[in-house]
Protein backbone atom coordinates (compact mmCIF):
# COMPACT_ATOMS: atom_id res chain seq x y z
CA MET A 1 17.39 -46.90 66.59
CA GLY A 2 16.50 -48.40 69.97
CA LYS A 3 15.90 -52.00 70.90
CA ASN A 4 12.14 -51.46 70.86
CA ASP A 5 12.11 -49.93 67.37
CA PRO A 6 9.73 -51.99 65.16
CA VAL A 7 12.18 -52.14 62.23
CA THR A 8 14.96 -53.44 64.47
CA ARG A 9 12.74 -56.10 66.00
CA THR A 10 11.42 -57.25 62.62
CA THR A 11 14.91 -57.55 61.16
CA ALA A 12 16.15 -59.51 64.15
CA ARG A 13 13.27 -61.98 64.00
CA SER A 14 13.41 -62.40 60.21
CA ALA A 15 16.99 -63.60 60.45
CA ARG A 16 15.62 -66.83 61.96
CA PRO A 17 12.66 -68.42 60.11
CA ASP A 18 9.49 -69.17 62.03
CA GLN A 19 9.83 -72.84 63.00
CA VAL A 20 6.21 -73.80 62.36
CA CYS A 21 6.33 -72.27 58.84
CA ALA A 22 9.78 -73.73 58.20
CA ASP A 23 8.50 -77.22 58.99
CA ALA A 24 5.69 -76.94 56.42
CA VAL A 25 7.83 -78.38 53.60
CA GLU A 26 5.28 -80.88 52.30
CA LEU A 27 2.51 -78.27 52.39
CA ALA A 28 4.66 -75.99 50.26
CA ARG A 29 5.52 -78.84 47.89
CA ALA A 30 1.86 -79.73 47.45
CA ALA A 31 1.18 -76.16 46.25
CA ILE A 32 3.40 -76.62 43.18
CA VAL A 33 3.04 -80.29 42.27
CA GLU A 34 0.03 -79.31 40.15
CA THR A 35 2.55 -78.33 37.46
CA GLY A 36 3.70 -81.95 37.47
CA PRO A 37 5.50 -83.89 40.22
CA GLU A 38 8.37 -84.60 37.87
CA HIS A 39 9.06 -80.86 37.59
CA VAL A 40 9.61 -80.37 41.33
CA GLY A 41 12.93 -81.48 42.76
CA GLU A 42 14.40 -81.60 46.20
CA HIS A 43 13.86 -78.99 48.90
CA LEU A 44 16.71 -76.46 48.82
CA ALA A 45 16.13 -73.95 51.63
CA ALA A 46 13.64 -72.21 53.89
CA VAL A 47 14.24 -68.46 54.12
CA GLY A 48 12.58 -66.19 56.67
CA GLU A 49 10.96 -63.19 55.03
CA GLY A 50 9.44 -61.63 58.17
CA ASP A 51 7.26 -62.40 61.15
CA ARG A 52 5.76 -65.86 60.60
CA LEU A 53 6.57 -65.57 56.91
CA VAL A 54 8.83 -68.17 55.27
CA THR A 55 9.65 -68.96 51.62
CA HIS A 56 10.50 -72.54 50.70
CA PHE A 57 12.70 -73.12 47.66
CA PHE A 58 12.55 -76.31 45.58
CA GLU A 59 14.66 -77.43 42.65
CA CYS A 60 12.97 -76.79 39.29
CA ARG A 61 13.21 -79.57 36.70
CA LEU A 62 11.22 -77.92 33.94
CA PRO A 63 12.97 -78.28 30.55
CA GLY A 64 14.74 -75.06 29.64
CA TYR A 65 14.86 -73.73 33.21
CA VAL A 66 18.29 -74.89 34.30
CA GLY A 67 19.23 -73.37 37.66
CA TRP A 68 15.74 -71.97 38.40
CA ARG A 69 13.87 -72.58 41.65
CA TRP A 70 10.29 -72.92 42.76
CA GLY A 71 9.44 -70.50 45.56
CA VAL A 72 6.48 -71.06 47.89
CA THR A 73 5.76 -68.48 50.58
CA VAL A 74 3.79 -69.64 53.62
CA THR A 75 2.57 -67.89 56.74
CA ARG A 76 0.42 -68.39 59.86
CA ALA A 77 -1.71 -66.17 62.08
CA PRO A 78 -0.43 -65.16 65.53
CA ARG A 79 -0.90 -67.92 68.15
CA SER A 80 -2.05 -70.29 65.41
CA ARG A 81 -0.26 -73.37 64.15
CA LEU A 82 -2.29 -73.51 60.95
CA VAL A 83 0.05 -72.70 58.02
CA THR A 84 -1.41 -71.31 54.80
CA ILE A 85 -0.03 -70.63 51.33
CA CYS A 86 0.57 -66.99 50.32
CA GLU A 87 1.97 -67.37 46.80
CA THR A 88 4.00 -69.57 44.49
CA VAL A 89 6.56 -68.31 42.02
CA LEU A 90 9.35 -69.52 39.73
CA LEU A 91 12.59 -67.61 40.33
CA PRO A 92 16.07 -67.74 38.81
CA GLY A 93 18.84 -69.10 41.00
CA PRO A 94 22.43 -67.85 41.22
CA GLU A 95 23.47 -69.99 38.23
CA ALA A 96 20.22 -69.86 36.27
CA LEU A 97 20.07 -69.57 32.52
CA ARG A 98 18.34 -66.29 31.74
CA ALA A 99 17.27 -64.39 28.68
CA PRO A 100 19.45 -61.40 27.78
CA GLY A 101 18.51 -58.13 29.40
CA TRP A 102 16.06 -55.94 27.54
CA VAL A 103 17.76 -53.42 25.25
CA PRO A 104 15.91 -50.50 23.58
CA TRP A 105 15.28 -51.00 19.87
CA ASN A 106 17.56 -48.12 18.85
CA GLU A 107 20.45 -49.85 20.65
CA ARG A 108 19.64 -53.29 19.22
CA LEU A 109 19.58 -52.01 15.65
CA GLN A 110 22.57 -53.05 13.57
CA PRO A 111 23.84 -51.74 10.22
CA GLY A 112 21.92 -53.41 7.42
CA ASP A 113 18.77 -54.09 9.47
CA LEU A 114 16.73 -51.44 7.66
CA GLY A 115 14.65 -53.03 4.95
CA VAL A 116 12.35 -51.89 2.16
CA GLY A 117 9.45 -49.88 3.59
CA ASP A 118 11.01 -49.55 7.07
CA LEU A 119 11.19 -46.17 8.78
CA LEU A 120 14.11 -45.19 11.02
CA PRO A 121 13.65 -41.63 12.33
CA ALA A 122 16.60 -39.93 14.02
CA GLY A 123 15.90 -38.79 17.56
CA PRO A 124 15.80 -35.10 18.44
CA ASP A 125 18.89 -35.52 20.64
CA ASP A 126 20.94 -37.50 18.07
CA ASP A 127 24.56 -36.40 18.55
CA ARG A 128 25.32 -37.10 14.90
CA LEU A 129 23.14 -34.16 13.80
CA ALA A 130 23.14 -30.43 14.46
CA PRO A 131 20.47 -27.81 13.71
CA GLY A 132 20.65 -26.55 10.14
CA TYR A 133 20.69 -22.89 11.20
CA LEU A 134 24.07 -23.44 12.87
CA LEU A 135 27.03 -22.87 10.60
CA SER A 136 29.03 -26.00 9.97
CA ASP A 137 32.77 -26.11 10.58
CA ASP A 138 33.14 -27.53 7.08
CA PRO A 139 33.23 -24.70 4.49
CA ALA A 140 32.40 -27.05 1.61
CA VAL A 141 29.20 -28.13 3.34
CA GLU A 142 28.15 -24.53 3.89
CA GLU A 143 28.92 -23.60 0.29
CA VAL A 144 26.75 -26.34 -1.15
CA ASN A 145 24.01 -25.76 1.41
CA TRP A 146 23.56 -22.10 0.62
CA GLU A 147 24.21 -22.35 -3.13
CA LEU A 148 21.47 -24.88 -3.64
CA GLY A 149 19.19 -23.37 -1.01
CA LEU A 150 18.62 -26.74 0.59
CA GLY A 151 17.69 -25.30 3.95
CA ARG A 152 17.94 -28.67 5.64
CA PRO A 153 16.52 -28.69 9.18
CA ARG A 154 19.58 -30.59 10.44
CA VAL A 155 23.06 -31.26 9.13
CA MET A 156 25.74 -33.69 10.19
CA SER A 157 27.63 -32.54 13.26
CA ARG A 158 31.38 -32.75 13.70
CA GLU A 159 30.91 -35.71 16.06
CA GLY A 160 28.77 -37.44 13.44
CA ARG A 161 31.39 -36.98 10.73
CA LEU A 162 34.20 -38.23 12.97
CA GLU A 163 32.16 -41.30 13.92
CA THR A 164 31.37 -42.00 10.28
CA ALA A 165 34.99 -41.58 9.19
CA GLN A 166 36.21 -43.97 11.88
CA ARG A 167 33.57 -46.55 11.00
CA TRP A 168 34.44 -46.43 7.31
CA TYR A 169 38.16 -46.58 7.99
CA ASP A 170 37.86 -49.59 10.31
CA GLY A 171 35.39 -51.43 8.08
CA GLU A 172 35.49 -53.38 4.84
CA HIS A 173 36.46 -50.32 2.80
CA GLY A 174 39.51 -49.29 4.79
CA PRO A 175 43.18 -50.26 4.55
CA GLU A 176 42.85 -53.37 6.74
CA ALA A 177 40.15 -55.05 4.64
CA ALA A 178 41.13 -58.46 3.29
CA ILE A 179 40.94 -57.34 -0.34
CA SER A 180 43.10 -54.32 0.44
CA VAL A 181 45.76 -56.32 2.26
CA SER A 182 45.94 -58.80 -0.64
CA ALA A 183 46.24 -56.09 -3.30
CA PRO A 184 49.63 -54.83 -4.54
CA ARG A 185 51.13 -52.22 -2.24
CA THR A 186 51.06 -49.62 -5.01
CA ALA A 187 47.40 -50.23 -5.85
CA ARG A 188 45.91 -47.67 -3.45
CA CYS A 189 42.61 -45.90 -4.16
CA GLY A 190 44.05 -42.42 -3.69
CA ARG A 191 46.16 -42.91 -6.85
CA CYS A 192 43.50 -44.69 -8.89
CA GLY A 193 41.87 -43.03 -11.88
CA PHE A 194 38.45 -44.37 -10.83
CA PHE A 195 38.65 -42.67 -7.41
CA LEU A 196 36.11 -39.84 -6.95
CA PRO A 197 37.10 -37.72 -3.90
CA LEU A 198 34.40 -36.58 -1.51
CA ALA A 199 33.80 -32.90 -0.86
CA GLY A 200 34.71 -31.00 2.26
CA ALA A 201 36.74 -32.23 5.20
CA MET A 202 36.19 -35.86 4.22
CA ARG A 203 37.96 -35.31 0.90
CA GLN A 204 41.45 -35.86 2.26
CA ASN A 205 40.63 -39.36 3.52
CA PHE A 206 37.72 -40.74 1.49
CA GLY A 207 36.21 -40.95 -1.94
CA VAL A 208 33.81 -43.09 -3.96
CA CYS A 209 34.93 -45.93 -6.21
CA GLY A 210 33.71 -45.54 -9.78
CA ASN A 211 35.11 -48.73 -11.30
CA VAL A 212 32.28 -50.94 -12.47
CA TYR A 213 34.50 -54.02 -12.20
CA ALA A 214 35.70 -53.29 -8.65
CA PRO A 215 33.91 -54.88 -5.67
CA ASP A 216 33.67 -51.41 -4.03
CA ASP A 217 31.95 -49.74 -6.99
CA GLY A 218 29.63 -47.00 -5.71
CA ARG A 219 30.95 -47.23 -2.15
CA ALA A 220 33.01 -44.85 -0.04
CA VAL A 221 36.60 -46.07 0.32
CA SER A 222 39.63 -44.68 2.12
CA VAL A 223 42.52 -43.27 0.13
CA ASP A 224 44.77 -46.09 1.38
CA HIS A 225 42.25 -48.81 0.53
CA GLY A 226 43.13 -50.92 -2.48
CA CYS A 227 42.13 -53.73 -4.79
CA GLY A 228 43.30 -55.53 -7.91
CA ALA A 229 41.15 -53.34 -10.21
CA HIS A 230 43.40 -50.28 -9.73
CA SER A 231 43.65 -48.20 -12.92
CA GLU A 232 47.44 -48.41 -12.99
CA VAL A 233 47.95 -51.93 -11.69
CA LEU A 234 50.32 -54.02 -13.80
CA VAL A 235 50.51 -57.75 -14.16
CA GLU A 236 54.05 -58.77 -13.31
CA GLN A 237 55.71 -60.49 -16.27
CA PRO A 238 58.10 -63.33 -15.52
CA ALA A 239 61.70 -62.51 -16.36
CA ALA A 240 62.84 -63.90 -19.72
CA PRO A 241 65.33 -66.74 -19.38
CA VAL A 242 68.95 -65.86 -20.22
CA ASP A 243 70.93 -68.38 -22.28
CA GLU A 244 74.24 -69.23 -20.67
CA LEU A 245 77.10 -68.77 -23.12
CA PRO A 246 80.28 -70.87 -22.98
CA THR A 247 83.41 -69.23 -21.57
CA VAL A 248 85.67 -67.94 -24.36
CA PHE A 249 89.37 -67.02 -24.03
CA ASP A 250 91.07 -64.56 -26.37
CA ASP A 251 94.51 -66.00 -27.08
CA GLY A 252 95.64 -62.65 -28.46
CA GLU A 253 95.51 -61.13 -24.99
CA VAL A 254 97.65 -63.81 -23.33
CA GLU A 255 101.31 -62.93 -22.75
CA PRO A 256 103.59 -65.95 -23.14
CA VAL A 257 105.98 -66.60 -20.23
CA PRO A 258 109.05 -68.83 -20.64
CA ALA A 259 108.96 -72.03 -18.66
CA GLY A 260 110.97 -72.11 -15.43
CA THR A 261 110.55 -68.45 -14.57
CA VAL A 262 108.94 -66.74 -11.63
CA ASP A 263 107.25 -63.42 -12.25
CA GLY A 264 109.16 -63.10 -15.50
CA LEU A 265 112.65 -63.86 -13.88
CA ASP A 266 114.84 -66.88 -14.48
CA ALA A 267 114.60 -69.39 -11.69
CA GLY A 268 118.39 -69.43 -11.36
CA ALA A 269 118.92 -65.67 -11.49
CA GLU A 270 120.01 -63.72 -8.47
CA PRO A 271 117.25 -61.87 -6.70
CA TYR A 272 117.13 -58.12 -6.66
CA PRO A 273 119.62 -56.76 -4.16
CA LEU A 274 118.08 -55.42 -0.97
CA GLY A 275 119.03 -52.02 0.29
């Protein structure tokens, strides 16, 4: 772009605020004191927005708006020294307290949020589901589907099953749950008589607890989950105390040795000859 290009000239001039507009601090302050003089703090800056266009920033002292700033934009006509107000606005500063960014409802939803009467439709592009006319990679699913003639429009995709398995395994019904860690090491669900294995590919890792007294009754649990209601769990019995008996010597097994002998030899006898 050349020196006479309008964009270049506008950018160069906007770097330095118009002096007449920059001096109109009290005019800008008067435009916002209607909200209450106590809510307008000190003048912070005057920023050039363009030709004869300046925004004045004031400290905001409204309760709950920490770090926010009042912004008042002023301007003047060419060859005129009369400054007028364009607009007033309340803007967040660099360290302002702000509300969290907007998140779509389907991303805000958490497990357990669905209540009685609520509807939660799955989107057409939900990765957890696949069209029902596609054969599943789980033979058990296909067998049940065609035997019963369910004809479901969509079935759980492989990605959906993997996501579900990981969520269950990492949750309160997996091996790292507090109740599982506190249970005896041998009290694992996979060896419990109340364990009802799931069908299909999930069978090797998960089942449903059928013990009415267990906290996981009716819930899917991993095979290495555990609790104190295991069908084969045993209460450790304290070892019975053993009475200490006095030491008894059998005199019949003692061989008498004459006094004054060493290893059965007379003390005065000659030792065995060497060599």
